[in-house]
């Protein structure tokens, strides 16, 4: 090989090495950022759960509406156009 060909080969190999190294560094950064985002998402989920529980407790304490009374005979309850059974009948024959 001539001196020029050897120089081109060394230059090409160094460029390839730099590109591979930079690609590896980029993937490491992406994995680190992904880990941070996953951790933040878990924290956000926990905060949302706490806030929803707090809101439900506030709504429960401030509630002034009474619930629907249950019929003692477990018969159907008619509320307008909707008929709903309070207690489902047993599935096994008596």
PDB file of N, CA and C in Angstrom:
ATOM      1  N   UNK A   1       0.829  -1.181   0.000  1.00  0.00           N
ATOM      2  CA  UNK A   1       0.000   0.000   0.000  1.00  0.00           C
ATOM      3  C   UNK A   1       0.877   1.250   0.000  1.00  0.00           C
ATOM      4  N   UNK A   2       0.341   2.239  -0.577  1.00  0.00           N
ATOM      5  CA  UNK A   2       1.074   3.495  -0.588  1.00  0.00           C
ATOM      6  C   UNK A   2       0.762   4.286   0.669  1.00  0.00           C
ATOM      7  N   UNK A   3       1.549   5.297   0.872  1.00  0.00           N
ATOM      8  CA  UNK A   3       1.388   6.133   2.062  1.00  0.00           C
ATOM      9  C   UNK A   3       0.021   6.823   2.078  1.00  0.00           C
ATOM     10  N   UNK A   4      -0.479   7.244   0.935  1.00  0.00           N
ATOM     11  CA  UNK A   4      -1.769   7.928   0.861  1.00  0.00           C
ATOM     12  C   UNK A   4      -2.906   6.979   1.229  1.00  0.00           C
ATOM     13  N   UNK A   5      -2.836   5.753   0.744  1.00  0.00           N
ATOM     14  CA  UNK A   5      -3.884   4.784   1.058  1.00  0.00           C
ATOM     15  C   UNK A   5      -3.899   4.463   2.546  1.00  0.00           C
ATOM     16  N   UNK A   6      -2.726   4.337   3.142  1.00  0.00           N
ATOM     17  CA  UNK A   6      -2.653   4.068   4.574  1.00  0.00           C
ATOM     18  C   UNK A   6      -3.220   5.233   5.378  1.00  0.00           C
ATOM     19  N   UNK A   7      -2.955   6.433   4.964  1.00  0.00           N
ATOM     20  CA  UNK A   7      -3.475   7.607   5.656  1.00  0.00           C
ATOM     21  C   UNK A   7      -4.989   7.679   5.542  1.00  0.00           C
ATOM     22  N   UNK A   8      -5.516   7.368   4.377  1.00  0.00           N
ATOM     23  CA  UNK A   8      -6.967   7.369   4.189  1.00  0.00           C
ATOM     24  C   UNK A   8      -7.603   6.287   5.061  1.00  0.00           C
ATOM     25  N   UNK A   9      -6.990   5.116   5.136  1.00  0.00           N
ATOM     26  CA  UNK A   9      -7.527   4.024   5.950  1.00  0.00           C
ATOM     27  C   UNK A   9      -7.515   4.392   7.430  1.00  0.00           C
ATOM     28  N   UNK A  10      -6.432   4.992   7.892  1.00  0.00           N
ATOM     29  CA  UNK A  10      -6.355   5.409   9.299  1.00  0.00           C
ATOM     30  C   UNK A  10      -7.378   6.504   9.578  1.00  0.00           C
ATOM     31  N   UNK A  11      -7.528   7.445   8.672  1.00  0.00           N
ATOM     32  CA  UNK A  11      -8.516   8.513   8.844  1.00  0.00           C
ATOM     33  C   UNK A  11      -9.934   7.971   8.877  1.00  0.00           C
ATOM     34  N   UNK A  12     -10.239   7.038   7.996  1.00  0.00           N
ATOM     35  CA  UNK A  12     -11.575   6.439   7.961  1.00  0.00           C
ATOM     36  C   UNK A  12     -11.842   5.657   9.244  1.00  0.00           C
ATOM     37  N   UNK A  13     -10.860   4.922   9.713  1.00  0.00           N
ATOM     38  CA  UNK A  13     -11.034   4.158  10.949  1.00  0.00           C
ATOM     39  C   UNK A  13     -11.228   5.081  12.149  1.00  0.00           C
ATOM     40  N   UNK A  14     -10.516   6.189  12.178  1.00  0.00           N
ATOM     41  CA  UNK A  14     -10.681   7.128  13.296  1.00  0.00           C
ATOM     42  C   UNK A  14     -12.054   7.794  13.245  1.00  0.00           C
ATOM     43  N   UNK A  15     -12.544   8.107  12.053  1.00  0.00           N
ATOM     44  CA  UNK A  15     -13.890   8.688  11.921  1.00  0.00           C
ATOM     45  C   UNK A  15     -14.944   7.688  12.377  1.00  0.00           C
ATOM     46  N   UNK A  16     -14.800   6.431  11.967  1.00  0.00           N
ATOM     47  CA  UNK A  16     -15.743   5.388  12.388  1.00  0.00           C
ATOM     48  C   UNK A  16     -15.697   5.218  13.905  1.00  0.00           C
ATOM     49  N   UNK A  17     -14.503   5.226  14.488  1.00  0.00           N
ATOM     50  CA  UNK A  17     -14.381   5.080  15.937  1.00  0.00           C
ATOM     51  C   UNK A  17     -15.058   6.236  16.668  1.00  0.00           C
ATOM     52  N   UNK A  18     -14.878   7.450  16.172  1.00  0.00           N
ATOM     53  CA  UNK A  18     -15.522   8.616  16.796  1.00  0.00           C
ATOM     54  C   UNK A  18     -17.038   8.532  16.669  1.00  0.00           C
ATOM     55  N   UNK A  19     -17.540   8.118  15.516  1.00  0.00           N
ATOM     56  CA  UNK A  19     -18.990   7.985  15.331  1.00  0.00           C
ATOM     57  C   UNK A  19     -19.566   6.913  16.254  1.00  0.00           C
ATOM     58  N   UNK A  20     -18.892   5.784  16.382  1.00  0.00           N
ATOM     59  CA  UNK A  20     -19.365   4.720  17.272  1.00  0.00           C
ATOM     60  C   UNK A  20     -19.349   5.211  18.717  1.00  0.00           C
ATOM     61  N   UNK A  21     -18.267   5.892  19.116  1.00  0.00           N
ATOM     62  CA  UNK A  21     -18.166   6.397  20.481  1.00  0.00           C
ATOM     63  C   UNK A  21     -19.276   7.409  20.773  1.00  0.00           C
ATOM     64  N   UNK A  22     -19.547   8.318  19.843  1.00  0.00           N
ATOM     65  CA  UNK A  22     -20.587   9.323  20.074  1.00  0.00           C
ATOM     66  C   UNK A  22     -21.972   8.676  20.117  1.00  0.00           C
ATOM     67  N   UNK A  23     -22.192   7.637  19.298  1.00  0.00           N
ATOM     68  CA  UNK A  23     -23.471   6.925  19.329  1.00  0.00           C
ATOM     69  C   UNK A  23     -23.672   6.240  20.683  1.00  0.00           C
ATOM     70  N   UNK A  24     -22.620   5.639  21.200  1.00  0.00           N
ATOM     71  CA  UNK A  24     -22.703   4.994  22.514  1.00  0.00           C
ATOM     72  C   UNK A  24     -23.000   6.023  23.596  1.00  0.00           C
ATOM     73  N   UNK A  25     -22.366   7.181  23.526  1.00  0.00           N
ATOM     74  CA  UNK A  25     -22.611   8.236  24.508  1.00  0.00           C
ATOM     75  C   UNK A  25     -24.048   8.737  24.435  1.00  0.00           C
ATOM     76  N   UNK A  26     -24.563   8.881  23.228  1.00  0.00           N
ATOM     77  CA  UNK A  26     -25.956   9.328  23.061  1.00  0.00           C
ATOM     78  C   UNK A  26     -26.913   8.312  23.659  1.00  0.00           C
ATOM     79  N   UNK A  27     -26.692   7.022  23.422  1.00  0.00           N
ATOM     80  CA  UNK A  27     -27.563   5.983  23.981  1.00  0.00           C
ATOM     81  C   UNK A  27     -27.498   5.976  25.507  1.00  0.00           C
ATOM     82  N   UNK A  28     -26.304   6.205  26.077  1.00  0.00           N
ATOM     83  CA  UNK A  28     -26.188   6.281  27.535  1.00  0.00           C
ATOM     84  C   UNK A  28     -27.003   7.444  28.083  1.00  0.00           C
ATOM     85  N   UNK A  29     -26.937   8.589  27.417  1.00  0.00           N
ATOM     86  CA  UNK A  29     -27.721   9.756  27.858  1.00  0.00           C
ATOM     87  C   UNK A  29     -29.212   9.482  27.751  1.00  0.00           C
ATOM     88  N   UNK A  30     -29.619   8.843  26.671  1.00  0.00           N
ATOM     89  CA  UNK A  30     -31.040   8.528  26.482  1.00  0.00           C
ATOM     90  C   UNK A  30     -31.526   7.597  27.592  1.00  0.00           C
ATOM     91  N   UNK A  31     -30.735   6.584  27.932  1.00  0.00           N
ATOM     92  CA  UNK A  31     -31.128   5.666  29.006  1.00  0.00           C
ATOM     93  C   UNK A  31     -31.210   6.390  30.342  1.00  0.00           C
ATOM     94  N   UNK A  32     -30.274   7.302  30.612  1.00  0.00           N
ATOM     95  CA  UNK A  32     -30.300   8.059  31.866  1.00  0.00           C
ATOM     96  C   UNK A  32     -31.532   8.959  31.930  1.00  0.00           C
ATOM     97  N   UNK A  33     -31.836   9.624  30.838  1.00  0.00           N
ATOM     98  CA  UNK A  33     -33.022  10.489  30.799  1.00  0.00           C
ATOM     99  C   UNK A  33     -34.289   9.658  30.941  1.00  0.00           C
ATOM    100  N   UNK A  34     -34.342   8.500  30.309  1.00  0.00           N
ATOM    101  CA  UNK A  34     -35.501   7.620  30.424  1.00  0.00           C
ATOM    102  C   UNK A  34     -35.702   7.164  31.865  1.00  0.00           C
ATOM    103  N   UNK A  35     -34.612   6.851  32.559  1.00  0.00           N
ATOM    104  CA  UNK A  35     -34.712   6.452  33.966  1.00  0.00           C
ATOM    105  C   UNK A  35     -35.250   7.602  34.816  1.00  0.00           C
ATOM    106  N   UNK A  36     -34.784   8.830  34.544  1.00  0.00           N
ATOM    107  CA  UNK A  36     -35.278   9.986  35.286  1.00  0.00           C
ATOM    108  C   UNK A  36     -36.759  10.226  35.014  1.00  0.00           C
ATOM    109  N   UNK A  37     -37.168  10.084  33.768  1.00  0.00           N
ATOM    110  CA  UNK A  37     -38.576  10.292  33.414  1.00  0.00           C
ATOM    111  C   UNK A  37     -39.448   9.232  34.076  1.00  0.00           C
ATOM    112  N   UNK A  38     -38.994   7.997  34.105  1.00  0.00           N
ATOM    113  CA  UNK A  38     -39.748   6.931  34.757  1.00  0.00           C
ATOM    114  C   UNK A  38     -39.912   7.221  36.244  1.00  0.00           C
ATOM    115  N   UNK A  39     -38.837   7.677  36.882  1.00  0.00           N
ATOM    116  CA  UNK A  39     -38.896   8.017  38.303  1.00  0.00           C
ATOM    117  C   UNK A  39     -39.868   9.170  38.545  1.00  0.00           C
ATOM    118  N   UNK A  40     -39.816  10.200  37.696  1.00  0.00           N
ATOM    119  CA  UNK A  40     -40.732  11.328  37.842  1.00  0.00           C
ATOM    120  C   UNK A  40     -42.179  10.907  37.621  1.00  0.00           C
ATOM    121  N   UNK A  41     -42.416   9.998  36.663  1.00  0.00           N
ATOM    122  CA  UNK A  41     -43.770   9.542  36.403  1.00  0.00           C
ATOM    123  C   UNK A  41     -44.330   8.795  37.608  1.00  0.00           C
ATOM    124  N   UNK A  42     -43.500   7.988  38.258  1.00  0.00           N
ATOM    125  CA  UNK A  42     -43.951   7.289  39.467  1.00  0.00           C
ATOM    126  C   UNK A  42     -44.304   8.281  40.563  1.00  0.00           C
ATOM    127  N   UNK A  43     -43.483   9.314  40.732  1.00  0.00           N
ATOM    128  CA  UNK A  43     -43.769  10.335  41.731  1.00  0.00           C
ATOM    129  C   UNK A  43     -45.057  11.080  41.408  1.00  0.00           C
ATOM    130  N   UNK A  44     -45.276  11.377  40.137  1.00  0.00           N
ATOM    131  CA  UNK A  44     -46.511  12.056  39.723  1.00  0.00           C
ATOM    132  C   UNK A  44     -47.718  11.175  40.006  1.00  0.00           C
ATOM    133  N   UNK A  45     -47.608   9.877  39.713  1.00  0.00           N
ATOM    134  CA  UNK A  45     -48.715   8.953  39.986  1.00  0.00           C
ATOM    135  C   UNK A  45     -49.042   8.917  41.474  1.00  0.00           C
ATOM    136  N   UNK A  46     -48.006   8.889  42.312  1.00  0.00           N
ATOM    137  CA  UNK A  46     -48.225   8.874  43.763  1.00  0.00           C
ATOM    138  C   UNK A  46     -48.893  10.168  44.212  1.00  0.00           C
ATOM    139  N   UNK A  47     -48.431  11.303  43.693  1.00  0.00           N
ATOM    140  CA  UNK A  47     -49.035  12.587  44.066  1.00  0.00           C
ATOM    141  C   UNK A  47     -50.486  12.678  43.603  1.00  0.00           C
ATOM    142  N   UNK A  48     -50.771  12.162  42.404  1.00  0.00           N
ATOM    143  CA  UNK A  48     -52.157  12.171  41.925  1.00  0.00           C
ATOM    144  C   UNK A  48     -53.044  11.310  42.809  1.00  0.00           C
ATOM    145  N   UNK A  49     -52.527  10.161  43.248  1.00  0.00           N
ATOM    146  CA  UNK A  49     -53.309   9.288  44.108  1.00  0.00           C
ATOM    147  C   UNK A  49     -53.588   9.975  45.450  1.00  0.00           C
ATOM    148  N   UNK A  50     -52.568  10.632  46.020  1.00  0.00           N
ATOM    149  CA  UNK A  50     -52.764  11.338  47.282  1.00  0.00           C
ATOM    150  C   UNK A  50     -53.766  12.472  47.124  1.00  0.00           C
ATOM    151  N   UNK A  51     -53.656  13.206  46.027  1.00  0.00           N
ATOM    152  CA  UNK A  51     -54.561  14.332  45.813  1.00  0.00           C
ATOM    153  C   UNK A  51     -55.995  13.850  45.603  1.00  0.00           C
ATOM    154  N   UNK A  52     -56.168  12.756  44.871  1.00  0.00           N
ATOM    155  CA  UNK A  52     -57.529  12.252  44.654  1.00  0.00           C
ATOM    156  C   UNK A  52     -58.123  11.746  45.958  1.00  0.00           C
ATOM    157  N   UNK A  53     -57.308  11.109  46.803  1.00  0.00           N
ATOM    158  CA  UNK A  53     -57.813  10.673  48.106  1.00  0.00           C
ATOM    159  C   UNK A  53     -58.200  11.871  48.965  1.00  0.00           C
ATOM    160  N   UNK A  54     -57.356  12.913  48.939  1.00  0.00           N
ATOM    161  CA  UNK A  54     -57.674  14.106  49.717  1.00  0.00           C
ATOM    162  C   UNK A  54     -58.962  14.756  49.225  1.00  0.00           C
ATOM    163  N   UNK A  55     -59.101  14.817  47.909  1.00  0.00           N
ATOM    164  CA  UNK A  55     -60.309  15.406  47.333  1.00  0.00           C
ATOM    165  C   UNK A  55     -61.543  14.595  47.694  1.00  0.00           C
ATOM    166  N   UNK A  56     -61.432  13.264  47.635  1.00  0.00           N
ATOM    167  CA  UNK A  56     -62.569  12.418  47.989  1.00  0.00           C
ATOM    168  C   UNK A  56     -62.941  12.585  49.460  1.00  0.00           C
ATOM    169  N   UNK A  57     -61.943  12.706  50.327  1.00  0.00           N
ATOM    170  CA  UNK A  57     -62.224  12.918  51.748  1.00  0.00           C
ATOM    171  C   UNK A  57     -62.897  14.273  51.963  1.00  0.00           C
ATOM    172  N   UNK A  58     -62.437  15.307  51.263  1.00  0.00           N
ATOM    173  CA  UNK A  58     -63.073  16.617  51.374  1.00  0.00           C
ATOM    174  C   UNK A  58     -64.507  16.576  50.879  1.00  0.00           C
ATOM    175  N   UNK A  59     -64.735  15.895  49.768  1.00  0.00           N
ATOM    176  CA  UNK A  59     -66.095  15.791  49.247  1.00  0.00           C
ATOM    177  C   UNK A  59     -66.985  14.999  50.194  1.00  0.00           C
ATOM    178  N   UNK A  60     -66.422  13.968  50.799  1.00  0.00           N
ATOM    179  CA  UNK A  60     -67.210  13.150  51.720  1.00  0.00           C
ATOM    180  C   UNK A  60     -67.588  13.944  52.966  1.00  0.00           C
ATOM    181  N   UNK A  61     -66.667  14.739  53.486  1.00  0.00           N
ATOM    182  CA  UNK A  61     -66.967  15.514  54.690  1.00  0.00           C
ATOM    183  C   UNK A  61     -67.911  16.667  54.389  1.00  0.00           C
ATOM    184  N   UNK A  62     -67.862  17.214  53.172  1.00  0.00           N
ATOM    185  CA  UNK A  62     -68.721  18.345  52.823  1.00  0.00           C
ATOM    186  C   UNK A  62     -70.023  17.907  52.175  1.00  0.00           C
ATOM    187  N   UNK A  63     -70.251  16.618  52.060  1.00  0.00           N
ATOM    188  CA  UNK A  63     -71.443  16.122  51.386  1.00  0.00           C
ATOM    189  C   UNK A  63     -72.672  16.352  52.255  1.00  0.00           C
ATOM    190  N   UNK A  64     -73.723  16.907  51.648  1.00  0.00           N
ATOM    191  CA  UNK A  64     -74.970  17.148  52.362  1.00  0.00           C
ATOM    192  C   UNK A  64     -76.114  16.348  51.746  1.00  0.00           C
ATOM    193  N   UNK A  65     -75.835  15.566  50.709  1.00  0.00           N
ATOM    194  CA  UNK A  65     -76.849  14.780  50.032  1.00  0.00           C
ATOM    195  C   UNK A  65     -76.858  13.388  50.640  1.00  0.00           C
ATOM    196  N   UNK A  66     -78.054  12.927  50.974  1.00  0.00           N
ATOM    197  CA  UNK A  66     -78.158  11.581  51.539  1.00  0.00           C
ATOM    198  C   UNK A  66     -78.329  10.581  50.410  1.00  0.00           C
ATOM    199  N   UNK A  67     -77.856   9.392  50.648  1.00  0.00           N
ATOM    200  CA  UNK A  67     -77.958   8.343  49.648  1.00  0.00           C
ATOM    201  C   UNK A  67     -79.362   7.787  49.555  1.00  0.00           C
ATOM    202  N   UNK A  68     -79.586   6.954  48.549  1.00  0.00           N
ATOM    203  CA  UNK A  68     -80.897   6.358  48.340  1.00  0.00           C
ATOM    204  C   UNK A  68     -81.156   5.309  49.411  1.00  0.00           C
ATOM    205  N   UNK A  69     -82.366   5.303  49.938  1.00  0.00           N
ATOM    206  CA  UNK A  69     -82.737   4.339  50.961  1.00  0.00           C
ATOM    207  C   UNK A  69     -82.946   2.970  50.323  1.00  0.00           C
ATOM    208  N   UNK A  70     -82.519   1.954  51.012  1.00  0.00           N
ATOM    209  CA  UNK A  70     -82.640   0.586  50.514  1.00  0.00           C
ATOM    210  C   UNK A  70     -83.939  -0.014  51.022  1.00  0.00           C
ATOM    211  N   UNK A  71     -84.688  -0.659  50.122  1.00  0.00           N
ATOM    212  CA  UNK A  71     -85.920  -1.324  50.518  1.00  0.00           C
ATOM    213  C   UNK A  71     -85.589  -2.568  51.348  1.00  0.00           C
ATOM    214  N   UNK A  72     -86.298  -2.777  52.446  1.00  0.00           N
ATOM    215  CA  UNK A  72     -85.997  -3.957  53.261  1.00  0.00           C
ATOM    216  C   UNK A  72     -86.410  -5.260  52.589  1.00  0.00           C
ATOM    217  N   UNK A  73     -87.335  -5.217  51.626  1.00  0.00           N
ATOM    218  CA  UNK A  73     -87.795  -6.459  50.993  1.00  0.00           C
ATOM    219  C   UNK A  73     -86.938  -6.848  49.785  1.00  0.00           C
ATOM    220  N   UNK A  74     -85.890  -6.092  49.499  1.00  0.00           N
ATOM    221  CA  UNK A  74     -84.967  -6.348  48.384  1.00  0.00           C
ATOM    222  C   UNK A  74     -85.688  -6.438  47.044  1.00  0.00           C
ATOM    223  N   UNK A  75     -86.743  -5.703  46.884  1.00  0.00           N
ATOM    224  CA  UNK A  75     -87.466  -5.679  45.633  1.00  0.00           C
ATOM    225  C   UNK A  75     -86.856  -4.683  44.674  1.00  0.00           C
ATOM    226  N   UNK A  76     -87.407  -4.603  43.473  1.00  0.00           N
ATOM    227  CA  UNK A  76     -86.864  -3.637  42.511  1.00  0.00           C
ATOM    228  C   UNK A  76     -87.189  -2.212  42.938  1.00  0.00           C
ATOM    229  N   UNK A  77     -86.310  -1.316  42.615  1.00  0.00           N
ATOM    230  CA  UNK A  77     -86.485   0.094  42.925  1.00  0.00           C
ATOM    231  C   UNK A  77     -86.722   0.814  41.611  1.00  0.00           C
ATOM    232  N   UNK A  78     -87.811   1.571  41.534  1.00  0.00           N
ATOM    233  CA  UNK A  78     -88.112   2.298  40.319  1.00  0.00           C
ATOM    234  C   UNK A  78     -87.744   3.759  40.521  1.00  0.00           C
ATOM    235  N   UNK A  79     -86.852   4.243  39.682  1.00  0.00           N
ATOM    236  CA  UNK A  79     -86.475   5.652  39.725  1.00  0.00           C
ATOM    237  C   UNK A  79     -86.649   6.207  38.321  1.00  0.00           C
ATOM    238  N   UNK A  80     -87.827   6.709  38.051  1.00  0.00           N
ATOM    239  CA  UNK A  80     -88.085   7.252  36.720  1.00  0.00           C
ATOM    240  C   UNK A  80     -88.199   6.130  35.701  1.00  0.00           C
ATOM    241  N   UNK A  81     -87.367   6.169  34.659  1.00  0.00           N
ATOM    242  CA  UNK A  81     -87.408   5.175  33.597  1.00  0.00           C
ATOM    243  C   UNK A  81     -86.516   3.976  33.866  1.00  0.00           C
ATOM    244  N   UNK A  82     -85.730   4.017  34.939  1.00  0.00           N
ATOM    245  CA  UNK A  82     -84.754   2.968  35.206  1.00  0.00           C
ATOM    246  C   UNK A  82     -85.239   2.101  36.360  1.00  0.00           C
ATOM    247  N   UNK A  83     -85.227   0.789  36.163  1.00  0.00           N
ATOM    248  CA  UNK A  83     -85.554  -0.154  37.229  1.00  0.00           C
ATOM    249  C   UNK A  83     -84.281  -0.917  37.552  1.00  0.00           C
ATOM    250  N   UNK A  84     -83.944  -0.960  38.829  1.00  0.00           N
ATOM    251  CA  UNK A  84     -82.698  -1.583  39.245  1.00  0.00           C
ATOM    252  C   UNK A  84     -82.976  -2.474  40.438  1.00  0.00           C
ATOM    253  N   UNK A  85     -82.347  -3.662  40.464  1.00  0.00           N
ATOM    254  CA  UNK A  85     -82.470  -4.541  41.612  1.00  0.00           C
ATOM    255  C   UNK A  85     -81.438  -4.152  42.650  1.00  0.00           C
ATOM    256  N   UNK A  86     -81.877  -4.079  43.907  1.00  0.00           N
ATOM    257  CA  UNK A  86     -80.966  -3.727  44.983  1.00  0.00           C
ATOM    258  C   UNK A  86     -80.021  -4.897  45.250  1.00  0.00           C
ATOM    259  N   UNK A  87     -80.569  -6.101  45.357  1.00  0.00           N
ATOM    260  CA  UNK A  87     -79.762  -7.266  45.646  1.00  0.00           C
ATOM    261  C   UNK A  87     -80.011  -8.282  44.548  1.00  0.00           C
ATOM    262  N   UNK A  88     -78.944  -8.837  43.992  1.00  0.00           N
ATOM    263  CA  UNK A  88     -79.132  -9.804  42.921  1.00  0.00           C
ATOM    264  C   UNK A  88     -79.688 -11.100  43.497  1.00  0.00           C
ATOM    265  N   UNK A  89     -80.585 -11.775  42.767  1.00  0.00           N
ATOM    266  CA  UNK A  89     -81.146 -13.023  43.277  1.00  0.00           C
ATOM    267  C   UNK A  89     -80.077 -14.114  43.283  1.00  0.00           C
ATOM    268  N   UNK A  90     -80.232 -15.112  44.148  1.00  0.00           N
ATOM    269  CA  UNK A  90     -79.232 -16.174  44.184  1.00  0.00           C
ATOM    270  C   UNK A  90     -79.233 -16.974  42.890  1.00  0.00           C
ATOM    271  N   UNK A  91     -78.065 -17.464  42.498  1.00  0.00           N
ATOM    272  CA  UNK A  91     -77.968 -18.183  41.232  1.00  0.00           C
ATOM    273  C   UNK A  91     -78.225 -19.674  41.380  1.00  0.00           C
ATOM    274  N   UNK A  92     -78.087 -20.191  42.598  1.00  0.00           N
ATOM    275  CA  UNK A  92     -78.351 -21.621  42.804  1.00  0.00           C
ATOM    276  C   UNK A  92     -79.782 -21.819  43.229  1.00  0.00           C
ATOM    277  N   UNK A  93     -80.457 -22.895  42.749  1.00  0.00           N
ATOM    278  CA  UNK A  93     -81.849 -23.133  43.148  1.00  0.00           C
ATOM    279  C   UNK A  93     -81.925 -23.522  44.624  1.00  0.00           C
ATOM    280  N   UNK A  94     -83.004 -23.099  45.272  1.00  0.00           N
ATOM    281  CA  UNK A  94     -83.168 -23.411  46.704  1.00  0.00           C
ATOM    282  C   UNK A  94     -83.783 -24.776  46.888  1.00  0.00           C
TER     283      UNK A  94
END
